[in-house]
Every structure is written in structure tokens, then in C-alpha cells.
Amino acid sequence: MPTQNVNLTPELDSFVKSQVASGYFNNASEVHRAALAAMAREEEERELRLQRLREEIQKGIDDLDAGRYTSVTTEEEHRALFKELREKSIQRAKRK
């Protein structure tokens, strides 16, 4: 297994030692591996969220290009549109 030397702040060193002392980990290497694995999972989740956001943005662009949008200019039109969207949302939630 590859080995790397890591310089820790005193706070991180104390944290690693406390994790080992708690008995949850057998040694500092296990703490470091667990921390890196958690970082890798978080990065993967972030990438998935970004991909989903890109897909949703593309859907919006496609809808605009296809003319699937509602143009509103007055406050009254905004209120009516939001009321309609709220009602549709409530109906969908009741069906689930």
C-alpha cells in the first residue's frame, strides 16, 4: 500500500488521536482513509448534483428554443401564474 507523509495542524492531530482512543479506529491510518473516503463520496455527490443541474438547465433552454414558455409582464400576470403553479403543485402532491 502506498505511503504518504502528511503534516497535520495540532487540532487535526488531536482529532485523529481522539478517534483512535475512542476505539472506533485501530490506528491513524484508518482515520485518514475514512476521512478521504468521505471526501471522495462528497465529491461524487457534488458532481452528480452539478450534472443534474446542467440537465435541468438544458431542459429549460430546450423549452425556450421550442417556444414552451409563458411570458408575463405585469404584477397581476405574475400573481396569476404563481397561483396556477401553486395549485398544480398541490394537486401533484395529493396524487403522490
Protein backbone atom coordinates (compact mmCIF):
# COMPACT_ATOMS: atom_id res chain seq x y z
CA MET A 1 0.00 0.00 0.00
CA PRO A 2 1.43 3.44 -0.91
CA THR A 3 2.63 5.61 1.96
CA GLN A 4 2.43 9.40 2.22
CA ASN A 5 3.69 11.72 4.90
CA VAL A 6 1.13 14.29 5.99
CA ASN A 7 1.62 17.38 8.14
CA LEU A 8 -1.38 18.00 10.40
CA THR A 9 -2.37 21.02 12.42
CA PRO A 10 -2.35 20.42 16.18
CA GLU A 11 -6.17 20.39 16.11
CA LEU A 12 -6.32 17.71 13.43
CA ASP A 13 -3.66 15.68 15.20
CA SER A 14 -5.73 15.77 18.40
CA PHE A 15 -8.83 14.78 16.47
CA VAL A 16 -7.11 11.78 14.87
CA LYS A 17 -5.74 10.69 18.24
CA SER A 18 -9.17 11.03 19.87
CA GLN A 19 -10.74 8.91 17.13
CA VAL A 20 -8.20 6.16 17.74
CA ALA A 21 -8.59 6.48 21.52
CA SER A 22 -12.36 6.11 21.18
CA GLY A 23 -11.79 2.62 19.80
CA TYR A 24 -13.71 3.34 16.62
CA PHE A 25 -10.45 3.18 14.65
CA ASN A 26 -7.44 0.98 15.30
CA ASN A 27 -4.85 3.50 14.13
CA ALA A 28 -4.31 6.90 12.50
CA SER A 29 -4.17 5.39 9.00
CA GLU A 30 -7.74 4.13 9.36
CA VAL A 31 -8.88 7.61 10.40
CA HIS A 32 -7.14 9.15 7.40
CA ARG A 33 -8.62 6.58 4.99
CA ALA A 34 -12.11 7.13 6.40
CA ALA A 35 -11.74 10.90 6.03
CA LEU A 36 -10.53 10.59 2.44
CA ALA A 37 -13.30 8.15 1.58
CA ALA A 38 -15.86 10.63 2.95
CA MET A 39 -14.30 13.39 0.86
CA ALA A 40 -14.45 11.19 -2.24
CA ARG A 41 -18.16 10.44 -1.61
CA GLU A 42 -18.91 14.13 -1.13
CA GLU A 43 -17.10 14.96 -4.37
CA GLU A 44 -19.03 12.29 -6.25
CA GLU A 45 -22.33 13.60 -4.85
CA ARG A 46 -21.36 17.16 -5.81
CA GLU A 47 -20.57 16.05 -9.35
CA LEU A 48 -23.93 14.25 -9.57
CA ARG A 49 -25.75 17.38 -8.36
CA LEU A 50 -23.90 19.51 -10.91
CA GLN A 51 -24.75 17.06 -13.70
CA ARG A 52 -28.43 17.12 -12.68
CA LEU A 53 -28.35 20.92 -12.63
CA ARG A 54 -26.79 21.01 -16.10
CA GLU A 55 -29.50 18.65 -17.38
CA GLU A 56 -32.26 20.81 -15.90
CA ILE A 57 -30.72 23.97 -17.36
CA GLN A 58 -30.58 22.27 -20.76
CA LYS A 59 -34.27 21.32 -20.45
CA GLY A 60 -35.06 24.98 -19.79
CA ILE A 61 -33.02 26.08 -22.80
CA ASP A 62 -34.73 23.47 -24.97
CA ASP A 63 -38.15 24.65 -23.77
CA LEU A 64 -37.26 28.25 -24.58
CA ASP A 65 -35.99 27.28 -28.03
CA ALA A 66 -39.19 25.32 -28.68
CA GLY A 67 -41.39 28.20 -27.54
CA ARG A 68 -42.62 26.35 -24.43
CA TYR A 69 -42.78 29.26 -22.02
CA THR A 70 -45.20 31.80 -20.63
CA SER A 71 -44.41 35.47 -20.93
CA VAL A 72 -45.60 37.68 -18.09
CA THR A 73 -45.10 41.41 -17.79
CA THR A 74 -47.47 42.74 -15.16
CA GLU A 75 -47.72 42.06 -11.45
CA GLU A 76 -51.21 40.69 -12.00
CA GLU A 77 -49.90 38.19 -14.56
CA HIS A 78 -47.15 37.14 -12.15
CA ARG A 79 -49.64 36.54 -9.35
CA ALA A 80 -51.93 34.55 -11.64
CA LEU A 81 -49.05 32.42 -12.89
CA PHE A 82 -47.76 31.69 -9.37
CA LYS A 83 -51.28 30.86 -8.21
CA GLU A 84 -51.64 28.40 -11.09
CA LEU A 85 -48.25 26.84 -10.37
CA ARG A 86 -49.04 26.54 -6.67
CA GLU A 87 -52.36 24.83 -7.41
CA LYS A 88 -50.71 22.39 -9.83
CA SER A 89 -48.05 21.62 -7.24
CA ILE A 90 -50.66 20.90 -4.59
CA GLN A 91 -52.57 18.63 -6.98
CA ARG A 92 -49.40 16.68 -7.82
CA ALA A 93 -48.57 16.29 -4.13
CA LYS A 94 -52.04 14.93 -3.39
CA ARG A 95 -51.67 12.32 -6.18
CA LYS A 96 -48.47 11.00 -4.63
